C-alpha atoms as a PDB file:
ATOM      1  CA  MET A   1     142.722 119.033-148.422  1.00  0.00           C
ATOM      2  CA  LEU A   2     144.119 115.824-149.892  1.00  0.00           C
ATOM      3  CA  ASP A   3     147.179 116.068-152.088  1.00  0.00           C
ATOM      4  CA  LEU A   4     145.646 114.152-154.986  1.00  0.00           C
ATOM      5  CA  SER A   5     142.331 113.152-156.533  1.00  0.00           C
ATOM      6  CA  ILE A   6     142.337 110.409-159.178  1.00  0.00           C
ATOM      7  CA  ILE A   7     139.373 110.638-161.559  1.00  0.00           C
ATOM      8  CA  ILE A   8     138.495 107.693-163.807  1.00  0.00           C
ATOM      9  CA  VAL A   9     135.607 107.949-166.263  1.00  0.00           C
ATOM     10  CA  SER A  10     134.421 104.515-167.362  1.00  0.00           C
ATOM     11  CA  PHE A  11     131.970 103.289-169.974  1.00  0.00           C
ATOM     12  CA  ASN A  12     131.461  99.572-170.543  1.00  0.00           C
ATOM     13  CA  ALA A  13     135.087  98.742-169.843  1.00  0.00           C
ATOM     14  CA  ARG A  14     134.805  96.578-166.749  1.00  0.00           C
ATOM     15  CA  ALA A  15     137.858  94.394-167.355  1.00  0.00           C
ATOM     16  CA  ASP A  16     140.049  97.403-168.108  1.00  0.00           C
ATOM     17  CA  LEU A  17     138.690  99.305-165.118  1.00  0.00           C
ATOM     18  CA  GLU A  18     139.417  96.391-162.798  1.00  0.00           C
ATOM     19  CA  ARG A  19     143.005  96.172-164.097  1.00  0.00           C
ATOM     20  CA  CYS A  20     143.456  99.914-163.678  1.00  0.00           C
ATOM     21  CA  LEU A  21     142.153  99.919-160.101  1.00  0.00           C
ATOM     22  CA  GLU A  22     144.210  96.844-159.264  1.00  0.00           C
ATOM     23  CA  SER A  23     147.349  98.650-160.435  1.00  0.00           C
ATOM     24  CA  LEU A  24     146.501 101.689-158.326  1.00  0.00           C
ATOM     25  CA  HIS A  25     146.086  99.505-155.258  1.00  0.00           C
ATOM     26  CA  SER A  26     149.122  97.315-155.925  1.00  0.00           C
ATOM     27  CA  GLY A  27     151.394 100.346-155.910  1.00  0.00           C
ATOM     28  CA  PRO A  28     149.407 103.261-154.468  1.00  0.00           C
ATOM     29  CA  PRO A  29     150.700 106.833-154.447  1.00  0.00           C
ATOM     30  CA  ALA A  30     152.643 107.759-151.334  1.00  0.00           C
ATOM     31  CA  CYS A  31     150.583 110.926-150.844  1.00  0.00           C
ATOM     32  CA  ALA A  32     147.126 111.228-149.306  1.00  0.00           C
ATOM     33  CA  HIS A  33     144.711 110.617-152.158  1.00  0.00           C
ATOM     34  CA  GLU A  34     141.221 109.627-153.224  1.00  0.00           C
ATOM     35  CA  ILE A  35     139.967 107.603-156.173  1.00  0.00           C
ATOM     36  CA  ILE A  36     136.702 108.524-157.868  1.00  0.00           C
ATOM     37  CA  VAL A  37     135.146 106.447-160.652  1.00  0.00           C
ATOM     38  CA  VAL A  38     132.479 108.171-162.730  1.00  0.00           C
ATOM     39  CA  ASP A  39     130.460 105.444-164.441  1.00  0.00           C
ATOM     40  CA  ASN A  40     128.715 106.622-167.604  1.00  0.00           C
ATOM     41  CA  ALA A  41     125.741 104.244-167.373  1.00  0.00           C
ATOM     42  CA  SER A  42     127.713 101.115-168.191  1.00  0.00           C
ATOM     43  CA  VAL A  43     125.716  97.920-168.671  1.00  0.00           C
ATOM     44  CA  ASP A  44     128.588  95.525-167.930  1.00  0.00           C
ATOM     45  CA  GLY A  45     128.699  95.823-164.150  1.00  0.00           C
ATOM     46  CA  SER A  46     131.556  98.332-164.083  1.00  0.00           C
ATOM     47  CA  ALA A  47     130.125 100.315-161.170  1.00  0.00           C
ATOM     48  CA  ALA A  48     129.637  97.208-159.027  1.00  0.00           C
ATOM     49  CA  ALA A  49     133.135  95.996-159.877  1.00  0.00           C
ATOM     50  CA  ALA A  50     134.681  99.309-158.818  1.00  0.00           C
ATOM     51  CA  ARG A  51     132.976  99.039-155.422  1.00  0.00           C
ATOM     52  CA  HIS A  52     135.091  95.962-154.731  1.00  0.00           C
ATOM     53  CA  TRP A  53     137.628  98.439-153.352  1.00  0.00           C
ATOM     54  CA  ALA A  54     136.276 100.111-150.245  1.00  0.00           C
ATOM     55  CA  ASP A  55     138.287 103.283-150.797  1.00  0.00           C
ATOM     56  CA  VAL A  56     136.934 103.845-154.323  1.00  0.00           C
ATOM     57  CA  ARG A  57     134.051 106.285-154.556  1.00  0.00           C
ATOM     58  CA  VAL A  58     131.702 105.471-157.418  1.00  0.00           C
ATOM     59  CA  ILE A  59     129.498 108.126-158.971  1.00  0.00           C
ATOM     60  CA  GLU A  60     126.847 106.676-161.270  1.00  0.00           C
ATOM     61  CA  ALA A  61     126.154 109.332-163.888  1.00  0.00           C
ATOM     62  CA  GLY A  62     122.869 107.799-165.003  1.00  0.00           C
ATOM     63  CA  ALA A  63     123.691 108.450-168.656  1.00  0.00           C
ATOM     64  CA  ASN A  64     126.681 108.432-170.973  1.00  0.00           C
ATOM     65  CA  LEU A  65     127.967 111.935-170.304  1.00  0.00           C
ATOM     66  CA  GLY A  66     131.072 111.574-172.423  1.00  0.00           C
ATOM     67  CA  PHE A  67     134.669 112.127-171.364  1.00  0.00           C
ATOM     68  CA  ALA A  68     134.793 115.876-170.686  1.00  0.00           C
ATOM     69  CA  ARG A  69     131.520 116.116-168.782  1.00  0.00           C
ATOM     70  CA  GLY A  70     132.192 112.892-166.898  1.00  0.00           C
ATOM     71  CA  ASN A  71     135.577 114.151-165.755  1.00  0.00           C
ATOM     72  CA  ASN A  72     134.049 117.448-164.682  1.00  0.00           C
ATOM     73  CA  VAL A  73     131.556 115.555-162.519  1.00  0.00           C
ATOM     74  CA  GLY A  74     134.466 113.774-160.862  1.00  0.00           C
ATOM     75  CA  ILE A  75     136.568 116.921-160.443  1.00  0.00           C
ATOM     76  CA  ARG A  76     133.692 118.820-158.836  1.00  0.00           C
ATOM     77  CA  ALA A  77     133.132 115.947-156.409  1.00  0.00           C
ATOM     78  CA  SER A  78     136.810 115.736-155.483  1.00  0.00           C
ATOM     79  CA  VAL A  79     138.933 117.713-153.031  1.00  0.00           C
ATOM     80  CA  GLY A  80     142.582 117.060-153.959  1.00  0.00           C
ATOM     81  CA  GLU A  81     145.048 119.882-154.523  1.00  0.00           C
ATOM     82  CA  HIS A  82     146.091 118.033-157.686  1.00  0.00           C
ATOM     83  CA  VAL A  83     143.839 116.093-160.052  1.00  0.00           C
ATOM     84  CA  LEU A  84     144.864 113.100-162.135  1.00  0.00           C
ATOM     85  CA  LEU A  85     142.629 112.381-165.111  1.00  0.00           C
ATOM     86  CA  LEU A  86     143.134 108.694-165.840  1.00  0.00           C
ATOM     87  CA  ASN A  87     141.647 106.465-168.521  1.00  0.00           C
ATOM     88  CA  SER A  88     140.128 103.192-167.401  1.00  0.00           C
ATOM     89  CA  ASP A  89     142.304 101.418-169.985  1.00  0.00           C
ATOM     90  CA  THR A  90     145.574 102.358-168.296  1.00  0.00           C
ATOM     91  CA  ILE A  91     147.817 100.346-165.989  1.00  0.00           C
ATOM     92  CA  VAL A  92     149.790 102.479-163.552  1.00  0.00           C
ATOM     93  CA  PRO A  93     153.104 101.075-162.269  1.00  0.00           C
ATOM     94  CA  PRO A  94     154.183 101.675-158.664  1.00  0.00           C
ATOM     95  CA  GLN A  95     155.675 105.148-158.047  1.00  0.00           C
ATOM     96  CA  ALA A  96     154.472 106.458-161.418  1.00  0.00           C
ATOM     97  CA  ILE A  97     152.020 108.908-159.876  1.00  0.00           C
ATOM     98  CA  ASP A  98     154.601 109.974-157.296  1.00  0.00           C
ATOM     99  CA  GLY A  99     156.927 110.730-160.208  1.00  0.00           C
ATOM    100  CA  LEU A 100     154.319 112.874-161.933  1.00  0.00           C
ATOM    101  CA  LEU A 101     153.646 114.830-158.744  1.00  0.00           C
ATOM    102  CA  ALA A 102     157.367 115.359-158.206  1.00  0.00           C
ATOM    103  CA  GLU A 103     157.723 116.638-161.775  1.00  0.00           C
ATOM    104  CA  LEU A 104     154.858 119.084-161.287  1.00  0.00           C
ATOM    105  CA  LYS A 105     156.260 120.358-158.009  1.00  0.00           C
ATOM    106  CA  ARG A 106     159.710 120.701-159.604  1.00  0.00           C
ATOM    107  CA  HIS A 107     158.353 123.197-162.157  1.00  0.00           C
ATOM    108  CA  PRO A 108     156.235 125.959-160.566  1.00  0.00           C
ATOM    109  CA  ALA A 109     155.327 127.394-163.981  1.00  0.00           C
ATOM    110  CA  VAL A 110     153.907 124.051-165.133  1.00  0.00           C
ATOM    111  CA  ALA A 111     150.220 123.299-164.505  1.00  0.00           C
ATOM    112  CA  VAL A 112     149.877 120.030-166.436  1.00  0.00           C
ATOM    113  CA  VAL A 113     152.215 117.055-166.743  1.00  0.00           C
ATOM    114  CA  GLY A 114     151.840 113.849-168.700  1.00  0.00           C
ATOM    115  CA  PRO A 115     153.924 110.646-168.710  1.00  0.00           C
ATOM    116  CA  ARG A 116     155.344 108.499-171.467  1.00  0.00           C
ATOM    117  CA  LEU A 117     152.580 106.134-172.534  1.00  0.00           C
ATOM    118  CA  VAL A 118     153.289 102.712-173.964  1.00  0.00           C
ATOM    119  CA  ASP A 119     151.054  99.935-175.245  1.00  0.00           C
ATOM    120  CA  GLY A 120     150.951  96.420-173.854  1.00  0.00           C
ATOM    121  CA  ASN A 121     154.044  95.538-175.879  1.00  0.00           C
ATOM    122  CA  GLY A 122     156.039  98.493-174.602  1.00  0.00           C
ATOM    123  CA  ARG A 123     155.772 100.542-177.806  1.00  0.00           C
ATOM    124  CA  ALA A 124     155.672 104.276-177.147  1.00  0.00           C
ATOM    125  CA  GLU A 125     152.542 106.261-177.935  1.00  0.00           C
ATOM    126  CA  LEU A 126     152.746 109.770-179.366  1.00  0.00           C
ATOM    127  CA  SER A 127     150.796 111.242-176.463  1.00  0.00           C
ATOM    128  CA  PHE A 128     151.607 114.943-176.857  1.00  0.00           C
ATOM    129  CA  GLY A 129     152.026 117.476-179.609  1.00  0.00           C
ATOM    130  CA  SER A 130     151.738 120.973-180.999  1.00  0.00           C
ATOM    131  CA  MET A 131     148.451 122.853-180.997  1.00  0.00           C
ATOM    132  CA  ILE A 132     146.027 121.196-183.383  1.00  0.00           C
ATOM    133  CA  GLY A 133     145.516 122.984-186.669  1.00  0.00           C
ATOM    134  CA  PRO A 134     145.131 121.768-190.256  1.00  0.00           C
ATOM    135  CA  PHE A 135     148.821 121.139-190.847  1.00  0.00           C
ATOM    136  CA  ASN A 136     149.806 119.936-187.371  1.00  0.00           C
ATOM    137  CA  GLU A 137     146.840 117.571-187.376  1.00  0.00           C
ATOM    138  CA  ILE A 138     147.923 116.024-190.680  1.00  0.00           C
ATOM    139  CA  ARG A 139     151.467 115.642-189.383  1.00  0.00           C
ATOM    140  CA  GLN A 140     150.290 114.054-186.119  1.00  0.00           C
ATOM    141  CA  THR A 141     147.959 111.681-187.955  1.00  0.00           C
ATOM    142  CA  LEU A 142     150.673 110.544-190.377  1.00  0.00           C
ATOM    143  CA  LEU A 143     153.066 109.868-187.513  1.00  0.00           C
ATOM    144  CA  VAL A 144     150.510 107.928-185.477  1.00  0.00           C
ATOM    145  CA  ARG A 145     149.278 105.842-188.412  1.00  0.00           C
ATOM    146  CA  GLY A 146     152.807 105.124-189.609  1.00  0.00           C
ATOM    147  CA  HIS A 147     153.752 103.999-186.119  1.00  0.00           C
ATOM    148  CA  GLU A 148     150.662 101.786-185.859  1.00  0.00           C
ATOM    149  CA  ARG A 149     151.614 100.137-189.161  1.00  0.00           C
ATOM    150  CA  GLY A 150     155.102  99.457-187.915  1.00  0.00           C
ATOM    151  CA  LEU A 151     156.936 101.711-190.382  1.00  0.00           C
ATOM    152  CA  GLY A 152     160.479 101.553-189.050  1.00  0.00           C
ATOM    153  CA  LEU A 153     161.632 105.134-189.631  1.00  0.00           C
ATOM    154  CA  ILE A 154     158.454 106.615-188.156  1.00  0.00           C
ATOM    155  CA  SER A 155     158.464 104.292-185.149  1.00  0.00           C
ATOM    156  CA  ALA A 156     162.110 105.134-184.508  1.00  0.00           C
ATOM    157  CA  ARG A 157     161.272 108.830-184.693  1.00  0.00           C
ATOM    158  CA  ILE A 158     158.456 108.478-182.182  1.00  0.00           C
ATOM    159  CA  GLU A 159     160.723 106.529-179.839  1.00  0.00           C
ATOM    160  CA  ARG A 160     163.198 109.424-180.005  1.00  0.00           C
ATOM    161  CA  MET A 161     160.491 112.040-179.509  1.00  0.00           C
ATOM    162  CA  THR A 162     159.110 110.262-176.451  1.00  0.00           C
ATOM    163  CA  SER A 163     162.511 109.705-174.852  1.00  0.00           C
ATOM    164  CA  ARG A 164     163.206 113.327-173.988  1.00  0.00           C
ATOM    165  CA  PRO A 165     161.370 115.777-171.716  1.00  0.00           C
ATOM    166  CA  GLN A 166     159.495 118.527-173.512  1.00  0.00           C
ATOM    167  CA  PHE A 167     157.145 121.465-173.083  1.00  0.00           C
ATOM    168  CA  PRO A 168     154.522 120.611-175.745  1.00  0.00           C
ATOM    169  CA  ASP A 169     151.250 122.414-176.323  1.00  0.00           C
ATOM    170  CA  TRP A 170     149.237 119.479-174.985  1.00  0.00           C
ATOM    171  CA  VAL A 171     149.430 116.033-173.443  1.00  0.00           C
ATOM    172  CA  THR A 172     146.749 113.387-173.737  1.00  0.00           C
ATOM    173  CA  GLY A 173     143.937 113.165-171.225  1.00  0.00           C
ATOM    174  CA  ALA A 174     144.526 109.417-170.916  1.00  0.00           C
ATOM    175  CA  CYS A 175     146.866 110.272-168.034  1.00  0.00           C
ATOM    176  CA  LEU A 176     147.003 113.970-167.246  1.00  0.00           C
ATOM    177  CA  LEU A 177     147.988 115.492-163.913  1.00  0.00           C
ATOM    178  CA  VAL A 178     146.807 119.072-163.362  1.00  0.00           C
ATOM    179  CA  ARG A 179     146.887 121.587-160.540  1.00  0.00           C
ATOM    180  CA  ARG A 180     143.330 122.016-159.281  1.00  0.00           C
ATOM    181  CA  HIS A 181     143.700 125.789-159.206  1.00  0.00           C
ATOM    182  CA  ALA A 182     144.597 125.884-162.908  1.00  0.00           C
ATOM    183  CA  ALA A 183     141.748 123.540-163.828  1.00  0.00           C
ATOM    184  CA  GLU A 184     139.243 125.681-161.960  1.00  0.00           C
ATOM    185  CA  VAL A 185     140.568 128.966-163.358  1.00  0.00           C
ATOM    186  CA  VAL A 186     139.833 127.786-166.921  1.00  0.00           C
ATOM    187  CA  GLY A 187     136.422 126.383-165.983  1.00  0.00           C
ATOM    188  CA  LEU A 188     137.400 122.694-166.157  1.00  0.00           C
ATOM    189  CA  LEU A 189     137.020 120.784-169.435  1.00  0.00           C
ATOM    190  CA  ASP A 190     134.859 122.210-172.201  1.00  0.00           C
ATOM    191  CA  GLU A 191     131.760 120.018-172.287  1.00  0.00           C
ATOM    192  CA  ARG A 192     130.989 120.689-175.943  1.00  0.00           C
ATOM    193  CA  TYR A 193     133.444 117.823-176.591  1.00  0.00           C
ATOM    194  CA  PHE A 194     131.776 114.468-175.948  1.00  0.00           C
ATOM    195  CA  MET A 195     135.071 112.674-176.488  1.00  0.00           C
ATOM    196  CA  TYR A 196     138.296 113.590-178.310  1.00  0.00           C
ATOM    197  CA  GLU A 197     139.994 117.006-178.526  1.00  0.00           C
ATOM    198  CA  GLU A 198     138.921 117.994-175.007  1.00  0.00           C
ATOM    199  CA  ASP A 199     142.447 117.429-173.677  1.00  0.00           C
ATOM    200  CA  VAL A 200     144.031 119.617-176.380  1.00  0.00           C
ATOM    201  CA  ASP A 201     141.451 122.337-175.723  1.00  0.00           C
ATOM    202  CA  PHE A 202     141.965 122.055-171.950  1.00  0.00           C
ATOM    203  CA  CYS A 203     145.725 122.435-172.291  1.00  0.00           C
ATOM    204  CA  ALA A 204     145.249 125.377-174.668  1.00  0.00           C
ATOM    205  CA  ALA A 205     143.051 127.135-172.107  1.00  0.00           C
ATOM    206  CA  ILE A 206     145.642 126.552-169.399  1.00  0.00           C
ATOM    207  CA  ARG A 207     148.480 127.803-171.598  1.00  0.00           C
ATOM    208  CA  GLY A 208     146.343 130.837-172.350  1.00  0.00           C
ATOM    209  CA  ARG A 209     146.499 131.703-168.649  1.00  0.00           C
ATOM    210  CA  GLY A 210     150.307 131.675-168.675  1.00  0.00           C
ATOM    211  CA  TRP A 211     151.066 128.153-167.427  1.00  0.00           C
ATOM    212  CA  ARG A 212     153.141 125.557-169.241  1.00  0.00           C
ATOM    213  CA  ILE A 213     152.515 121.924-170.200  1.00  0.00           C
ATOM    214  CA  ARG A 214     155.153 119.281-169.441  1.00  0.00           C
ATOM    215  CA  PHE A 215     155.847 115.851-170.917  1.00  0.00           C
ATOM    216  CA  THR A 216     158.185 113.625-168.915  1.00  0.00           C
ATOM    217  CA  PRO A 217     159.653 110.331-170.172  1.00  0.00           C
ATOM    218  CA  ASP A 218     160.854 109.562-166.646  1.00  0.00           C
ATOM    219  CA  VAL A 219     157.399 108.183-165.836  1.00  0.00           C
ATOM    220  CA  THR A 220     155.837 105.414-167.923  1.00  0.00           C
ATOM    221  CA  VAL A 221     152.201 104.303-167.866  1.00  0.00           C
ATOM    222  CA  VAL A 222     150.693 101.474-169.910  1.00  0.00           C
ATOM    223  CA  HIS A 223     147.785 102.508-172.134  1.00  0.00           C
ATOM    224  CA  ARG A 224     145.659  99.757-173.682  1.00  0.00           C
ATOM    225  CA  ARG A 225     144.215 102.395-175.965  1.00  0.00           C
ATOM    226  CA  GLY A 226     140.951 102.197-177.828  1.00  0.00           C
ATOM    227  CA  ARG A 227     139.523  99.255-175.902  1.00  0.00           C
ATOM    228  CA  SER A 228     136.441 101.043-174.545  1.00  0.00           C
ATOM    229  CA  ALA A 229     135.936 102.729-177.925  1.00  0.00           C
ATOM    230  CA  ALA A 230     135.660  99.284-179.495  1.00  0.00           C
ATOM    231  CA  PHE A 231     132.278  98.901-177.777  1.00  0.00           C
ATOM    232  CA  ALA A 232     130.688 101.121-180.449  1.00  0.00           C
ATOM    233  CA  ARG A 233     133.095 101.943-183.251  1.00  0.00           C
ATOM    234  CA  GLU A 234     130.729 103.930-185.468  1.00  0.00           C
ATOM    235  CA  ALA A 235     129.470 105.985-182.522  1.00  0.00           C
ATOM    236  CA  THR A 236     133.098 106.644-181.618  1.00  0.00           C
ATOM    237  CA  ARG A 237     133.942 107.828-185.132  1.00  0.00           C
ATOM    238  CA  ALA A 238     130.898 110.112-185.140  1.00  0.00           C
ATOM    239  CA  ALA A 239     131.895 111.544-181.765  1.00  0.00           C
ATOM    240  CA  TYR A 240     135.369 112.274-183.109  1.00  0.00           C
ATOM    241  CA  ARG A 241     133.965 114.113-186.127  1.00  0.00           C
ATOM    242  CA  ARG A 242     131.693 116.232-183.916  1.00  0.00           C
ATOM    243  CA  SER A 243     134.567 117.076-181.586  1.00  0.00           C
ATOM    244  CA  GLN A 244     136.831 117.916-184.516  1.00  0.00           C
ATOM    245  CA  LEU A 245     134.274 120.354-185.871  1.00  0.00           C
ATOM    246  CA  ALA A 246     133.666 121.871-182.443  1.00  0.00           C
ATOM    247  CA  PHE A 247     137.416 122.334-181.996  1.00  0.00           C
ATOM    248  CA  TYR A 248     137.827 124.081-185.335  1.00  0.00           C
ATOM    249  CA  GLU A 249     134.772 126.254-184.722  1.00  0.00           C
ATOM    250  CA  LYS A 250     136.363 127.418-181.490  1.00  0.00           C
ATOM    251  CA  HIS A 251     140.016 127.688-182.483  1.00  0.00           C
ATOM    252  CA  HIS A 252     140.161 127.859-186.305  1.00  0.00           C
ATOM    253  CA  PRO A 253     136.787 129.167-187.537  1.00  0.00           C
ATOM    254  CA  ARG A 254     138.153 130.084-190.984  1.00  0.00           C
ATOM    255  CA  TRP A 255     138.794 126.401-191.675  1.00  0.00           C
ATOM    256  CA  VAL A 256     135.373 125.083-190.674  1.00  0.00           C
ATOM    257  CA  SER A 257     133.759 125.364-194.103  1.00  0.00           C
ATOM    258  CA  LEU A 258     136.632 123.485-195.740  1.00  0.00           C
ATOM    259  CA  LEU A 259     136.562 120.826-193.027  1.00  0.00           C
ATOM    260  CA  ARG A 260     132.828 120.301-193.487  1.00  0.00           C
ATOM    261  CA  THR A 261     133.335 119.938-197.244  1.00  0.00           C
ATOM    262  CA  TYR A 262     136.137 117.424-196.686  1.00  0.00           C
ATOM    263  CA  LEU A 263     134.015 115.346-194.310  1.00  0.00           C
ATOM    264  CA  ARG A 264     131.071 115.436-196.694  1.00  0.00           C
ATOM    265  CA  LEU A 265     133.216 114.239-199.600  1.00  0.00           C
ATOM    266  CA  ARG A 266     134.414 111.364-197.449  1.00  0.00           C
ATOM    267  CA  GLY A 267     130.849 110.515-196.512  1.00  0.00           C
ATOM    268  CA  ALA A 268     131.653 111.342-192.901  1.00  0.00           C
ATOM    269  CA  ASP A 269     129.318 114.233-192.143  1.00  0.00           C
ATOM    270  CA  ALA A 270     129.038 115.011-188.429  1.00  0.00           C
END
């Protein structure tokens, strides 16, 4: 068995995918590994571009399966003892993956580890948090939006939050390293989520089996977030609303009626 499988789900993000794969080949992990790209029926030549690298295995899904289902296709086709879920819009510096593996092996009770994510300008992303619920979601949203708008106090707070190691409830699926055994025990990612919330749900399922989630600032990965979503903004917003409702139906059913009312008042019915 290989030590690591890297799974990249891509949809109409050829330029990002090429940058991501270039970074993986410029500074490859020291361990024995494989790279699998699951192409969700892109029309921009993403699959052909990925085949530029002979060691990259491309699986053409034939349809846009979404993030959770696409990753599951890749995981089932892979053989690594550890699995790295990696967005196509990331750039991975040399030794970053080795650092994540070392962190996971350092903590036997941890099944998932995520790095510090930064944008192209080096600004930290709030890429972890407490279990999503009505109040935690509002708090997370306010922090993220304040940071995006450059509000000094909020940005400073996020820089502090992302500068120390933590055991949060979840880390983002943009760059998430998981033990294969843990992923398989929980049945992989829940495919009711087309995109969004699947990483929080996945981490919740893993925590429910007694493992812990780890965030480490000792490893930094660049995340050019939202670039593939820009291909179809309205479809992306609709997918988020559907995933939000699915998440609340599963984890907070008493809040679903209120959430539906809120979305309807905003003209954002799922």
